[in-house]
Amino acid sequence: MSFGALGDAAGAPTGALLVLFWFGDEGARRCGAAFRLKSPAAKEGRSSMKSLAKTLRALDPASSQPLYQQLQRALREAIEKQLLGPDDALPSERQLAIDLGVSRITVRKAIDGLAAEGLLVSRQGSGNFVRPHIDKNFAKLTSFHEDMQSRGQVPRSEWLKRTEGTVSPDEALKLALSPGTLVYRFHRLRYADDAPMALEYATVVASCLPSIDAVQESLYEALQKAGNRPVRALQRLRALLLDDEQARLLQAEPGDAGLLVERLGFLRDGRAVELSHSYYRGDTYDFVAELSA
């Protein structure tokens, strides 16, 4: 890959956010809502090979900072400025080493560091890519698993915990359940192409699933098999700062900007079936809702 196929961007202001959306067929017809998640920098066009080369070649062998850290910083800067855009492939390690006059070990350590930061993802047999951003259509109620598959990405989940218990006061209020009602709680870290994308906490009315073990990769698939898939949902989005645990799991830093997405799903008869809270890295997402009269 040459240095030419890379993007540029202009910064965009950020701030606290609380957005309320109503899902379902009727809501989709009335709102025509669209939801796009991408970098907070809006792409203005493609940068030249010269711009990226200048950024990456600003390495100083005389500096007290190790070369791999300098290269890691330069690549991070290129990604932040979108000289390298989402899903762009990096030049091969060998090519970077030749072009920059450094060892392949130096390049490897820099790339490993960026992968640990969640900025790069490695695809077996294809190379290293800038972590892609997610587009989601608000006009259709879909699961994380379905969203990733529709984009050609490989979804998977790391199970943190699954428990059975009685509904909490807050859950009872939101799900309109009586005290003592049995619920299942599912805590998972959601991945796309081996990159952590969301930290998810879901509470489901136990009577809507045959057992707590019915959920494997997709909660909505399990609910559909049980005849209890949500047909509409109320969704809230709120900006926050990631705490230590959230940051660790999402490969971010404590105090980094994050996004909380709360979803309350309903059956066709109006009963609530699902309450979920999903946490995302805030430096990866931008939201656009298109409304029509």
Protein backbone atom coordinates (compact mmCIF):
# COMPACT_ATOMS: atom_id res chain seq x y z
CA MET A 1 0.00 0.00 0.00
CA SER A 2 1.30 3.46 -0.83
CA PHE A 3 1.10 6.44 1.50
CA GLY A 4 -1.37 8.08 -0.88
CA ALA A 5 -4.61 6.29 0.03
CA LEU A 6 -5.05 8.12 3.32
CA GLY A 7 -7.57 10.65 4.66
CA ASP A 8 -7.51 14.11 6.27
CA ALA A 9 -9.98 15.59 8.76
CA ALA A 10 -11.13 18.72 10.54
CA GLY A 11 -11.83 18.74 14.29
CA ALA A 12 -15.33 18.86 15.68
CA PRO A 13 -16.52 20.18 19.05
CA THR A 14 -17.56 17.72 21.73
CA GLY A 15 -19.78 18.00 24.78
CA ALA A 16 -22.24 16.29 27.07
CA LEU A 17 -25.05 14.54 25.22
CA LEU A 18 -28.44 13.14 26.11
CA VAL A 19 -30.48 11.86 23.18
CA LEU A 20 -33.76 9.94 23.28
CA PHE A 21 -34.88 7.70 20.41
CA TRP A 22 -38.01 5.59 19.91
CA PHE A 23 -37.56 2.44 17.86
CA GLY A 24 -40.00 0.21 16.03
CA ASP A 25 -41.75 0.06 12.70
CA GLU A 26 -44.07 2.97 13.46
CA GLY A 27 -41.27 5.12 14.86
CA ALA A 28 -39.10 4.35 11.86
CA ARG A 29 -41.81 5.45 9.43
CA ARG A 30 -42.41 8.70 11.28
CA CYS A 31 -38.83 9.64 12.04
CA GLY A 32 -36.69 8.04 9.33
CA ALA A 33 -33.92 8.20 11.91
CA ALA A 34 -30.40 7.35 10.88
CA PHE A 35 -27.52 6.76 13.28
CA ARG A 36 -23.91 6.98 12.16
CA LEU A 37 -20.99 6.22 14.47
CA LYS A 38 -17.61 7.39 13.30
CA SER A 39 -14.64 9.48 14.28
CA PRO A 40 -15.39 12.86 15.88
CA ALA A 41 -13.35 14.36 13.05
CA ALA A 42 -15.45 14.68 9.89
CA LYS A 43 -13.55 13.68 6.80
CA GLU A 44 -12.80 16.61 4.52
CA GLY A 45 -10.97 14.66 1.84
CA ARG A 46 -7.84 12.64 1.24
CA SER A 47 -4.39 13.81 2.27
CA SER A 48 -1.41 13.45 0.03
CA MET A 49 1.34 10.87 0.29
CA LYS A 50 3.66 13.72 1.21
CA SER A 51 1.65 14.68 4.31
CA LEU A 52 1.71 11.19 5.79
CA ALA A 53 5.32 10.57 4.87
CA LYS A 54 6.31 13.81 6.61
CA THR A 55 4.48 12.78 9.76
CA LEU A 56 5.99 9.30 9.89
CA ARG A 57 9.52 10.37 9.02
CA ALA A 58 9.75 12.88 11.87
CA LEU A 59 11.82 10.39 13.90
CA ASP A 60 14.91 11.53 15.78
CA PRO A 61 17.54 8.83 16.45
CA ALA A 62 19.32 11.27 18.78
CA SER A 63 16.27 11.64 21.02
CA SER A 64 16.20 10.03 24.47
CA GLN A 65 12.80 8.57 23.56
CA PRO A 66 13.05 5.08 22.00
CA LEU A 67 12.41 4.97 18.26
CA TYR A 68 9.46 2.61 18.61
CA GLN A 69 7.74 5.11 20.92
CA GLN A 70 8.42 7.91 18.45
CA LEU A 71 6.95 5.82 15.63
CA GLN A 72 3.97 4.84 17.77
CA ARG A 73 3.35 8.52 18.51
CA ALA A 74 3.70 9.45 14.81
CA LEU A 75 1.26 6.73 13.73
CA ARG A 76 -1.16 7.75 16.48
CA GLU A 77 -0.98 11.35 15.24
CA ALA A 78 -1.62 10.19 11.66
CA ILE A 79 -4.71 8.28 12.81
CA GLU A 80 -6.00 11.16 14.95
CA LYS A 81 -5.59 13.57 12.01
CA GLN A 82 -7.11 10.90 9.75
CA LEU A 83 -4.12 10.84 7.47
CA LEU A 84 -4.90 7.18 8.05
CA GLY A 85 -8.67 6.73 7.87
CA PRO A 86 -10.92 4.07 9.40
CA ASP A 87 -10.31 0.62 7.93
CA ASP A 88 -7.21 1.82 6.01
CA ALA A 89 -4.44 -0.76 5.80
CA LEU A 90 -1.02 0.17 7.09
CA PRO A 91 1.98 -0.43 4.86
CA SER A 92 3.60 -3.75 5.68
CA GLU A 93 6.06 -3.89 8.58
CA ARG A 94 8.85 -4.59 6.10
CA GLN A 95 7.92 -1.61 3.93
CA LEU A 96 7.66 0.73 6.92
CA ALA A 97 11.05 -0.42 8.18
CA ILE A 98 12.65 0.23 4.76
CA ASP A 99 10.95 3.60 4.21
CA LEU A 100 11.74 4.90 7.69
CA GLY A 101 15.20 3.39 8.05
CA VAL A 102 14.39 1.50 11.24
CA SER A 103 14.35 -2.16 12.22
CA ARG A 104 11.31 -4.39 11.87
CA ILE A 105 11.43 -4.94 15.64
CA THR A 106 10.96 -1.18 16.09
CA VAL A 107 7.96 -1.23 13.73
CA ARG A 108 6.49 -4.30 15.42
CA LYS A 109 6.71 -2.74 18.91
CA ALA A 110 5.05 0.46 17.66
CA ILE A 111 2.21 -1.48 16.02
CA ASP A 112 1.72 -3.68 19.10
CA GLY A 113 1.46 -0.53 21.21
CA LEU A 114 -1.22 0.95 18.96
CA ALA A 115 -3.13 -2.33 18.94
CA ALA A 116 -3.08 -2.28 22.76
CA GLU A 117 -4.52 1.26 22.60
CA GLY A 118 -7.35 -0.03 20.43
CA LEU A 119 -6.32 2.06 17.40
CA LEU A 120 -5.23 -0.82 15.16
CA VAL A 121 -6.60 -4.27 14.49
CA SER A 122 -4.67 -7.16 12.95
CA ARG A 123 -6.40 -9.36 10.38
CA GLN A 124 -4.74 -12.68 9.74
CA GLY A 125 -3.33 -12.89 6.24
CA SER A 126 -4.26 -9.28 5.46
CA GLY A 127 -2.13 -7.09 7.72
CA ASN A 128 -2.79 -4.25 10.15
CA PHE A 129 -5.73 -1.88 9.76
CA VAL A 130 -6.96 1.28 11.44
CA ARG A 131 -9.77 0.25 13.73
CA PRO A 132 -12.99 0.81 11.75
CA HIS A 133 -15.93 2.90 12.90
CA ILE A 134 -19.48 1.65 13.08
CA ASP A 135 -22.52 2.83 11.13
CA LYS A 136 -25.90 1.98 12.66
CA ASN A 137 -29.31 2.68 11.18
CA PHE A 138 -31.70 4.00 13.84
CA ALA A 139 -34.70 3.12 11.66
CA LYS A 140 -34.28 -0.59 12.37
CA LEU A 141 -34.06 -2.41 15.69
CA THR A 142 -31.07 -4.76 15.41
CA SER A 143 -28.62 -6.44 17.73
CA PHE A 144 -24.88 -5.79 18.00
CA HIS A 145 -24.26 -9.23 16.49
CA GLU A 146 -26.43 -8.45 13.46
CA ASP A 147 -24.87 -5.01 13.01
CA MET A 148 -21.34 -6.39 12.88
CA GLN A 149 -22.24 -9.24 10.53
CA SER A 150 -23.99 -6.85 8.13
CA ARG A 151 -20.72 -4.89 7.84
CA GLY A 152 -18.62 -7.95 7.11
CA GLN A 153 -17.02 -7.91 10.55
CA VAL A 154 -16.68 -10.90 12.84
CA PRO A 155 -18.57 -10.40 16.12
CA ARG A 156 -17.79 -12.28 19.28
CA SER A 157 -18.41 -11.93 23.00
CA GLU A 158 -16.26 -12.39 26.07
CA TRP A 159 -18.52 -13.44 28.90
CA LEU A 160 -17.88 -11.57 32.14
CA LYS A 161 -20.83 -12.92 34.11
CA ARG A 162 -24.30 -14.39 33.74
CA THR A 163 -26.57 -14.57 36.77
CA GLU A 164 -30.15 -15.33 37.76
CA GLY A 165 -31.96 -13.31 40.43
CA THR A 166 -34.93 -11.20 41.39
CA VAL A 167 -35.51 -7.84 39.78
CA SER A 168 -33.93 -4.79 41.45
CA PRO A 169 -36.10 -1.74 42.31
CA ASP A 170 -34.66 0.22 39.35
CA GLU A 171 -35.15 -2.70 36.94
CA ALA A 172 -38.69 -3.26 38.24
CA LEU A 173 -39.54 0.39 37.59
CA LYS A 174 -38.15 0.45 34.05
CA LEU A 175 -39.37 -3.00 33.02
CA ALA A 176 -42.75 -2.55 34.77
CA LEU A 177 -42.27 -5.76 36.76
CA SER A 178 -43.60 -6.79 40.16
CA PRO A 179 -41.12 -7.13 43.05
CA GLY A 180 -39.66 -10.63 43.17
CA THR A 181 -39.95 -11.23 39.41
CA LEU A 182 -37.14 -13.47 38.14
CA VAL A 183 -34.65 -11.96 35.66
CA TYR A 184 -31.46 -13.03 33.90
CA ARG A 185 -28.46 -10.69 33.82
CA PHE A 186 -25.83 -10.94 31.09
CA HIS A 187 -22.52 -9.05 31.30
CA ARG A 188 -20.36 -9.23 28.16
CA LEU A 189 -17.51 -7.50 26.37
CA ARG A 190 -18.47 -7.24 22.70
CA TYR A 191 -15.84 -7.45 19.95
CA ALA A 192 -15.70 -6.80 16.21
CA ASP A 193 -12.71 -8.31 14.37
CA ASP A 194 -11.05 -8.88 17.78
CA ALA A 195 -11.30 -5.17 18.72
CA PRO A 196 -13.33 -4.41 21.89
CA MET A 197 -16.33 -2.32 20.87
CA ALA A 198 -18.78 -2.29 23.77
CA LEU A 199 -19.17 -3.28 27.40
CA GLU A 200 -22.72 -4.56 27.75
CA TYR A 201 -24.93 -5.19 30.77
CA ALA A 202 -28.32 -6.67 29.85
CA THR A 203 -31.26 -7.65 32.06
CA VAL A 204 -33.94 -9.88 30.51
CA VAL A 205 -37.25 -11.05 31.97
CA ALA A 206 -36.56 -14.72 32.74
CA SER A 207 -39.95 -15.94 31.51
CA CYS A 208 -39.00 -14.76 28.00
CA LEU A 209 -36.15 -17.30 27.66
CA PRO A 210 -36.16 -21.08 28.14
CA SER A 211 -33.06 -20.88 30.36
CA ILE A 212 -30.16 -18.61 31.26
CA ASP A 213 -27.91 -20.71 29.00
CA ALA A 214 -30.10 -20.04 25.94
CA VAL A 215 -28.03 -16.94 25.14
CA GLN A 216 -24.75 -17.69 23.39
CA GLU A 217 -23.50 -15.07 20.89
CA SER A 218 -26.71 -13.16 20.16
CA LEU A 219 -29.31 -12.22 22.79
CA TYR A 220 -31.84 -11.21 20.13
CA GLU A 221 -31.39 -14.52 18.32
CA ALA A 222 -32.16 -16.38 21.55
CA LEU A 223 -35.20 -14.18 22.20
CA GLN A 224 -36.42 -14.71 18.62
CA LYS A 225 -36.17 -18.50 18.98
CA ALA A 226 -38.27 -18.19 22.13
CA GLY A 227 -40.82 -16.03 20.29
CA ASN A 228 -39.99 -12.99 22.41
CA ARG A 229 -37.81 -10.75 20.26
CA PRO A 230 -38.37 -6.99 20.87
CA VAL A 231 -40.23 -5.19 18.08
CA ARG A 232 -39.62 -1.65 19.34
CA ALA A 233 -37.34 0.02 21.85
CA LEU A 234 -36.69 3.21 23.73
CA GLN A 235 -33.02 4.19 23.61
CA ARG A 236 -31.08 6.87 25.51
CA LEU A 237 -27.54 8.08 24.82
CA ARG A 238 -25.46 9.92 27.40
CA ALA A 239 -21.87 11.15 27.52
CA LEU A 240 -19.73 10.14 30.51
CA LEU A 241 -16.14 9.54 31.64
CA LEU A 242 -14.94 5.94 31.65
CA ASP A 243 -14.01 4.57 35.06
CA ASP A 244 -10.98 2.36 35.68
CA GLU A 245 -12.73 -0.94 34.93
CA GLN A 246 -14.56 0.29 31.83
CA ALA A 247 -11.37 1.83 30.46
CA ARG A 248 -9.36 -1.34 31.07
CA LEU A 249 -11.85 -3.54 29.24
CA LEU A 250 -12.29 -1.10 26.34
CA GLN A 251 -8.53 -0.50 26.02
CA ALA A 252 -8.86 3.18 26.88
CA GLU A 253 -7.58 5.40 29.69
CA PRO A 254 -9.50 6.10 32.92
CA GLY A 255 -11.27 9.43 32.58
CA ASP A 256 -11.48 9.19 28.78
CA ALA A 257 -14.74 10.31 27.20
CA GLY A 258 -17.23 7.49 26.87
CA LEU A 259 -20.79 6.92 25.76
CA LEU A 260 -23.56 5.12 27.62
CA VAL A 261 -26.37 3.67 25.49
CA GLU A 262 -29.42 2.49 27.44
CA ARG A 263 -32.03 0.42 25.61
CA LEU A 264 -35.46 -0.69 26.81
CA GLY A 265 -36.99 -3.28 24.46
CA PHE A 266 -40.70 -4.11 24.16
CA LEU A 267 -42.73 -7.02 22.80
CA ARG A 268 -45.59 -6.51 20.37
CA ASP A 269 -48.11 -6.63 23.22
CA GLY A 270 -46.36 -3.73 24.97
CA ARG A 271 -44.56 -5.71 27.68
CA ALA A 272 -40.92 -4.79 28.34
CA VAL A 273 -38.51 -7.68 27.83
CA GLU A 274 -34.99 -6.23 27.87
CA LEU A 275 -33.07 -3.48 29.66
CA SER A 276 -29.47 -3.02 28.55
CA HIS A 277 -26.65 -0.58 29.27
CA SER A 278 -23.74 -0.50 26.81
CA TYR A 279 -20.57 1.54 27.26
CA TYR A 280 -18.49 2.69 24.27
CA ARG A 281 -15.26 4.61 23.83
CA GLY A 282 -16.26 8.21 23.17
CA ASP A 283 -13.38 8.97 20.80
CA THR A 284 -14.81 6.58 18.21
CA TYR A 285 -18.39 7.71 17.79
CA ASP A 286 -20.36 10.50 16.15
CA PHE A 287 -24.15 10.57 16.02
CA VAL A 288 -26.39 11.80 13.22
CA ALA A 289 -30.19 11.61 13.25
CA GLU A 290 -32.10 12.57 10.12
CA LEU A 291 -35.73 13.53 10.76
CA SER A 292 -38.47 14.14 8.21
CA ALA A 293 -41.93 15.68 8.60
